[in-house]
């Protein structure tokens, strides 16, 4: 089969399209013919050496959709989606290939409302957002501020609105605010950290948000100073050096909690269970994505370079 593979982490120089043996499903495993595979920022970071536990040579790729072609008889021919979990594409081969082997209980049936390409865009951002909402207890009526407008932020907005939460996005760029508002999404333009509390209250009828989800890694101190009493602040990123100056006193006085969200802590099996829950939400409640770029697997190396150069579009690889 053809697969994208890197022989050493640290740069894109070793990433290339190779002919490799098609994997064989073992006991309690399935072989999936990959129909589409999402290209996430973490895939690029993996090749660039940002995950020190990655072993090489390695096939990257964390999210896929496809059809089961080997495994238990009752699963043959089923359209499925999966991926994202701990070790997948880091210490075991991922899905930027024509075929991938995963445990039989590590895939979920693909929602009928999604095409293979659409399904391949969801894994990392939606599982991350789902985990953030679950652990920060976002429910109907929750005042929920999302900072950022990337894939995870938009997934969190969509999932929270489906739950009936009162959701507002805070973003840096005025044109993104306008785009979101055109789509019927409540949003405001962030000014500076000292004004976040005031801006947030203006967005929630002079009440503080009960939950803040910082998807950028730069607003945690301001979020701690903004969240309501007994509120929760979820965070998925940090500056490159990992250091943030935050007032523990302000967190203590609010009785607040800071929640680190990391999808790599979950196994493939755990992620499959989340995808099963997401499948139910997609039946008429969540928007189906239309903004992505399809590229053949043969152009994957160029696609990685586009992401590395700052390309913002979602890319889906088609084997």
Protein backbone atom coordinates (compact mmCIF):
# COMPACT_ATOMS: atom_id res chain seq x y z
CA UNK A 1 0.00 0.00 0.00
CA UNK A 2 0.99 3.64 -0.24
CA UNK A 3 1.55 5.63 2.92
CA UNK A 4 3.13 8.86 4.08
CA UNK A 5 6.05 8.00 6.35
CA UNK A 6 8.82 9.86 8.15
CA UNK A 7 12.08 8.19 9.11
CA UNK A 8 13.23 10.80 11.61
CA UNK A 9 11.38 13.51 13.52
CA UNK A 10 12.55 17.11 13.52
CA UNK A 11 11.78 18.43 10.04
CA UNK A 12 9.69 17.68 6.96
CA UNK A 13 12.75 16.54 5.01
CA UNK A 14 12.27 12.85 5.81
CA UNK A 15 8.53 12.85 5.11
CA UNK A 16 7.77 11.03 1.87
CA UNK A 17 5.27 8.83 0.07
CA UNK A 18 6.39 5.19 0.35
CA UNK A 19 5.22 1.76 -0.70
CA UNK A 20 4.94 -0.28 2.50
CA UNK A 21 3.41 -3.67 3.31
CA UNK A 22 -0.33 -3.62 3.88
CA UNK A 23 -0.91 -4.35 7.58
CA UNK A 24 -2.75 -7.51 8.59
CA UNK A 25 -5.47 -7.51 11.22
CA UNK A 26 -4.68 -9.70 14.21
CA UNK A 27 -7.01 -11.16 16.79
CA UNK A 28 -9.59 -8.60 17.96
CA UNK A 29 -8.46 -6.13 15.29
CA UNK A 30 -9.89 -4.77 12.05
CA UNK A 31 -8.27 -3.63 8.82
CA UNK A 32 -9.86 -0.43 7.55
CA UNK A 33 -9.61 0.71 3.96
CA UNK A 34 -9.11 4.43 4.51
CA UNK A 35 -11.46 6.55 2.42
CA UNK A 36 -10.43 9.89 3.94
CA UNK A 37 -7.96 11.10 6.58
CA UNK A 38 -7.83 14.49 8.23
CA UNK A 39 -4.60 16.48 8.45
CA UNK A 40 -4.38 18.15 11.86
CA UNK A 41 -1.82 20.61 13.27
CA UNK A 42 -0.73 17.87 15.69
CA UNK A 43 0.20 15.67 12.69
CA UNK A 44 2.60 18.36 11.54
CA UNK A 45 3.97 18.82 15.06
CA UNK A 46 4.52 15.08 15.27
CA UNK A 47 6.75 15.09 12.17
CA UNK A 48 8.54 18.21 13.46
CA UNK A 49 9.52 16.41 16.67
CA UNK A 50 7.23 18.16 19.16
CA UNK A 51 6.25 14.82 20.74
CA UNK A 52 9.40 13.30 22.26
CA UNK A 53 7.89 9.84 22.67
CA UNK A 54 7.27 9.34 18.92
CA UNK A 55 9.20 6.40 17.47
CA UNK A 56 10.32 6.15 13.86
CA UNK A 57 9.87 5.15 11.11
CA UNK A 58 6.26 6.19 11.53
CA UNK A 59 3.11 6.74 9.47
CA UNK A 60 1.40 9.86 10.87
CA UNK A 61 -2.31 10.70 10.84
CA UNK A 62 -4.78 10.70 13.71
CA UNK A 63 -8.28 10.88 12.15
CA UNK A 64 -9.85 8.66 9.50
CA UNK A 65 -13.02 7.31 8.01
CA UNK A 66 -13.31 4.19 5.89
CA UNK A 67 -14.69 0.70 5.41
CA UNK A 68 -13.76 -2.44 7.34
CA UNK A 69 -12.28 -5.06 4.97
CA UNK A 70 -10.81 -7.54 7.49
CA UNK A 71 -12.01 -8.54 10.93
CA UNK A 72 -15.08 -10.07 12.58
CA UNK A 73 -17.65 -11.11 9.98
CA UNK A 74 -20.37 -8.91 11.45
CA UNK A 75 -18.20 -5.82 10.91
CA UNK A 76 -17.11 -6.44 7.32
CA UNK A 77 -18.24 -3.69 4.96
CA UNK A 78 -19.24 -1.31 7.75
CA UNK A 79 -18.56 2.39 7.23
CA UNK A 80 -16.67 3.65 10.27
CA UNK A 81 -14.71 6.56 11.69
CA UNK A 82 -11.99 6.54 14.33
CA UNK A 83 -8.58 7.64 15.50
CA UNK A 84 -7.16 10.37 17.73
CA UNK A 85 -6.20 8.14 20.69
CA UNK A 86 -3.07 7.71 22.76
CA UNK A 87 -0.11 6.34 20.80
CA UNK A 88 -1.91 6.35 17.47
CA UNK A 89 0.51 7.83 14.89
CA UNK A 90 3.12 8.33 17.62
CA UNK A 91 4.16 4.85 18.77
CA UNK A 92 1.97 2.92 16.32
CA UNK A 93 1.26 3.72 12.70
CA UNK A 94 -1.47 6.22 11.93
CA UNK A 95 -3.90 6.62 9.07
CA UNK A 96 -2.22 8.71 6.35
CA UNK A 97 -2.18 5.56 4.29
CA UNK A 98 -4.43 3.40 2.16
CA UNK A 99 -5.12 1.01 5.06
CA UNK A 100 -4.87 1.09 8.85
CA UNK A 101 -5.20 -1.57 11.56
CA UNK A 102 -6.93 -0.72 14.85
CA UNK A 103 -8.60 -2.72 17.64
CA UNK A 104 -12.12 -3.82 16.72
CA UNK A 105 -13.57 -1.86 19.63
CA UNK A 106 -11.65 1.31 18.64
CA UNK A 107 -13.94 2.36 15.80
CA UNK A 108 -17.47 3.73 15.69
CA UNK A 109 -20.08 3.49 12.96
CA UNK A 110 -19.96 6.59 10.79
CA UNK A 111 -23.09 8.77 11.01
CA UNK A 112 -25.15 8.40 7.86
CA UNK A 113 -25.50 12.17 7.66
CA UNK A 114 -21.75 12.57 7.07
CA UNK A 115 -19.76 11.70 3.97
CA UNK A 116 -16.42 9.95 4.44
CA UNK A 117 -14.61 13.23 3.80
CA UNK A 118 -16.75 15.17 6.27
CA UNK A 119 -16.30 12.49 8.94
CA UNK A 120 -12.52 12.69 8.60
CA UNK A 121 -12.54 16.34 9.68
CA UNK A 122 -14.03 15.77 13.13
CA UNK A 123 -11.87 13.51 15.30
CA UNK A 124 -9.22 15.66 16.99
CA UNK A 125 -11.19 18.93 17.25
CA UNK A 126 -14.52 17.40 18.26
CA UNK A 127 -13.12 14.83 20.70
CA UNK A 128 -11.02 17.57 22.32
CA UNK A 129 -14.04 19.87 22.53
CA UNK A 130 -16.29 17.08 23.80
CA UNK A 131 -13.81 16.27 26.58
CA UNK A 132 -13.59 19.94 27.54
CA UNK A 133 -17.37 20.28 27.75
CA UNK A 134 -17.82 17.06 29.70
CA UNK A 135 -15.13 17.80 32.27
CA UNK A 136 -16.09 21.46 32.72
CA UNK A 137 -19.77 20.47 33.05
CA UNK A 138 -21.25 22.55 30.25
CA UNK A 139 -24.99 21.95 30.04
CA UNK A 140 -28.20 23.72 29.09
CA UNK A 141 -28.11 27.33 30.26
CA UNK A 142 -24.38 27.40 31.10
CA UNK A 143 -22.75 30.74 30.35
CA UNK A 144 -19.85 29.51 28.22
CA UNK A 145 -17.08 31.71 26.81
CA UNK A 146 -14.79 30.19 24.18
CA UNK A 147 -11.56 32.05 23.45
CA UNK A 148 -10.33 31.50 19.90
CA UNK A 149 -11.92 30.62 16.57
CA UNK A 150 -9.93 27.61 15.38
CA UNK A 151 -11.24 24.10 14.77
CA UNK A 152 -11.48 23.16 18.46
CA UNK A 153 -13.13 26.45 19.39
CA UNK A 154 -15.77 26.09 16.68
CA UNK A 155 -16.37 22.47 17.64
CA UNK A 156 -16.88 23.55 21.26
CA UNK A 157 -19.31 26.25 20.16
CA UNK A 158 -21.35 23.82 18.07
CA UNK A 159 -21.43 21.10 20.73
CA UNK A 160 -22.28 23.52 23.53
CA UNK A 161 -25.07 25.16 21.54
CA UNK A 162 -26.49 21.70 20.82
CA UNK A 163 -26.61 21.18 24.60
CA UNK A 164 -28.51 24.45 25.06
CA UNK A 165 -25.65 26.44 26.58
CA UNK A 166 -25.35 30.20 26.20
CA UNK A 167 -22.19 30.36 24.07
CA UNK A 168 -20.07 33.36 23.07
CA UNK A 169 -16.72 33.37 21.25
CA UNK A 170 -13.98 35.89 21.96
CA UNK A 171 -11.56 36.29 19.03
CA UNK A 172 -8.75 38.64 18.05
CA UNK A 173 -9.56 39.57 14.46
CA UNK A 174 -12.46 41.83 13.56
CA UNK A 175 -13.10 40.07 10.24
CA UNK A 176 -13.48 36.73 12.05
CA UNK A 177 -15.98 38.28 14.46
CA UNK A 178 -17.97 39.53 11.48
CA UNK A 179 -17.81 36.11 9.81
CA UNK A 180 -19.06 34.38 12.95
CA UNK A 181 -21.87 36.86 13.48
CA UNK A 182 -22.94 36.38 9.86
CA UNK A 183 -23.29 32.67 10.70
CA UNK A 184 -25.50 33.49 13.68
CA UNK A 185 -22.73 32.83 16.23
CA UNK A 186 -22.37 35.27 19.15
CA UNK A 187 -18.85 36.71 19.19
CA UNK A 188 -16.87 39.79 20.24
CA UNK A 189 -13.42 41.12 19.42
CA UNK A 190 -10.89 40.66 22.21
CA UNK A 191 -9.09 43.84 23.18
CA UNK A 192 -6.61 43.14 25.97
CA UNK A 193 -6.39 40.92 29.03
CA UNK A 194 -7.38 43.65 31.49
CA UNK A 195 -10.68 44.17 29.69
CA UNK A 196 -11.72 40.53 29.28
CA UNK A 197 -13.90 40.49 32.40
CA UNK A 198 -15.80 43.59 31.29
CA UNK A 199 -16.20 42.33 27.71
CA UNK A 200 -17.41 38.96 28.93
CA UNK A 201 -19.99 40.50 31.25
CA UNK A 202 -21.24 42.70 28.42
CA UNK A 203 -21.82 39.50 26.42
CA UNK A 204 -23.69 37.69 29.20
CA UNK A 205 -26.13 40.36 30.39
CA UNK A 206 -23.72 41.65 33.07
CA UNK A 207 -23.04 38.19 34.46
CA UNK A 208 -19.68 36.42 34.47
CA UNK A 209 -19.20 33.26 32.39
CA UNK A 210 -19.49 30.04 34.37
CA UNK A 211 -17.06 28.22 32.07
CA UNK A 212 -14.23 29.61 29.94
CA UNK A 213 -12.45 27.46 27.35
CA UNK A 214 -9.11 28.96 26.29
CA UNK A 215 -8.15 27.24 23.04
CA UNK A 216 -5.16 29.54 22.44
CA UNK A 217 -3.04 29.04 25.57
CA UNK A 218 -2.48 32.78 26.10
CA UNK A 219 -5.57 33.91 28.00
CA UNK A 220 -5.47 31.67 31.07
CA UNK A 221 -4.50 34.41 33.60
CA UNK A 222 -7.22 36.72 32.25
CA UNK A 223 -9.73 33.86 32.22
CA UNK A 224 -9.05 33.11 35.89
CA UNK A 225 -9.78 36.79 36.65
CA UNK A 226 -12.99 36.64 34.61
CA UNK A 227 -14.77 33.39 35.47
CA UNK A 228 -17.72 33.37 37.91
CA UNK A 229 -17.57 32.01 41.44
CA UNK A 230 -17.06 28.23 41.41
CA UNK A 231 -16.38 28.54 37.67
CA UNK A 232 -14.19 26.33 35.52
CA UNK A 233 -11.45 27.30 33.08
CA UNK A 234 -10.44 24.66 30.51
CA UNK A 235 -7.22 25.04 28.51
CA UNK A 236 -5.69 23.03 25.66
CA UNK A 237 -2.52 24.93 24.79
CA UNK A 238 0.33 26.98 26.22
CA UNK A 239 3.24 29.12 25.03
CA UNK A 240 6.22 27.21 23.63
CA UNK A 241 8.08 27.38 26.95
CA UNK A 242 4.98 26.20 28.81
CA UNK A 243 5.17 29.07 31.29
CA UNK A 244 2.25 31.31 32.28
CA UNK A 245 2.07 33.75 35.21
CA UNK A 246 -1.28 33.26 36.91
CA UNK A 247 -2.74 34.54 40.17
CA UNK A 248 -3.44 31.55 42.37
CA UNK A 249 -5.04 33.99 44.83
CA UNK A 250 -7.69 35.04 42.31
CA UNK A 251 -8.43 31.39 41.52
CA UNK A 252 -8.72 30.60 45.23
CA UNK A 253 -11.01 33.55 45.93
CA UNK A 254 -13.38 32.42 43.18
CA UNK A 255 -13.32 28.78 44.23
CA UNK A 256 -12.42 28.13 40.62
CA UNK A 257 -10.89 25.18 38.80
CA UNK A 258 -8.41 24.94 35.93
CA UNK A 259 -8.84 21.90 33.69
CA UNK A 260 -6.15 20.72 31.30
CA UNK A 261 -7.63 19.02 28.23
CA UNK A 262 -5.46 16.56 26.28
CA UNK A 263 -6.99 14.04 23.87
CA UNK A 264 -3.72 12.08 23.83
CA UNK A 265 -4.51 10.79 27.33
CA UNK A 266 -7.35 8.69 25.93
CA UNK A 267 -7.01 5.33 24.23
CA UNK A 268 -8.38 4.63 20.76
CA UNK A 269 -11.15 2.70 22.48
CA UNK A 270 -12.02 5.70 24.69
CA UNK A 271 -12.12 7.97 21.65
CA UNK A 272 -14.40 5.53 19.80
CA UNK A 273 -16.89 5.80 22.66
CA UNK A 274 -16.80 9.59 22.37
CA UNK A 275 -17.38 9.32 18.62
CA UNK A 276 -20.41 7.11 19.32
CA UNK A 277 -21.82 9.88 21.52
CA UNK A 278 -21.01 12.45 18.85
CA UNK A 279 -22.81 10.32 16.26
CA UNK A 280 -26.07 10.84 18.14
CA UNK A 281 -25.48 14.59 18.26
CA UNK A 282 -24.98 14.78 14.49
CA UNK A 283 -28.47 13.59 13.72
CA UNK A 284 -30.01 16.98 13.09
CA UNK A 285 -28.32 18.98 15.86
CA UNK A 286 -24.81 19.82 14.67
CA UNK A 287 -23.74 21.73 11.56
CA UNK A 288 -22.07 19.61 8.89
CA UNK A 289 -18.77 21.09 7.69
CA UNK A 290 -18.43 22.27 4.15
CA UNK A 291 -15.15 24.19 4.31
CA UNK A 292 -12.22 21.87 3.65
CA UNK A 293 -9.74 21.05 0.92
CA UNK A 294 -9.50 17.54 -0.52
CA UNK A 295 -6.09 16.40 -1.75
CA UNK A 296 -4.92 12.99 -2.95
CA UNK A 297 -2.55 11.07 -0.71
CA UNK A 298 0.10 11.51 -3.41
CA UNK A 299 0.15 15.25 -2.54
CA UNK A 300 0.36 14.75 1.22
CA UNK A 301 3.94 15.97 1.56
CA UNK A 302 2.98 19.23 -0.14
CA UNK A 303 -0.10 19.40 2.10
CA UNK A 304 2.07 19.14 5.22
CA UNK A 305 4.20 21.98 3.88
CA UNK A 306 1.10 24.11 3.34
CA UNK A 307 0.10 23.63 6.97
CA UNK A 308 3.67 24.39 8.07
CA UNK A 309 3.60 27.64 6.11
CA UNK A 310 0.52 28.79 7.98
CA UNK A 311 -2.28 27.53 5.79
CA UNK A 312 -5.54 27.80 7.73
CA UNK A 313 -7.76 25.56 5.62
CA UNK A 314 -8.74 22.09 6.80
CA UNK A 315 -7.08 19.51 4.55
CA UNK A 316 -8.43 16.00 4.02
CA UNK A 317 -6.25 13.41 2.33
CA UNK A 318 -7.89 10.93 -0.05
CA UNK A 319 -5.96 7.65 -0.54
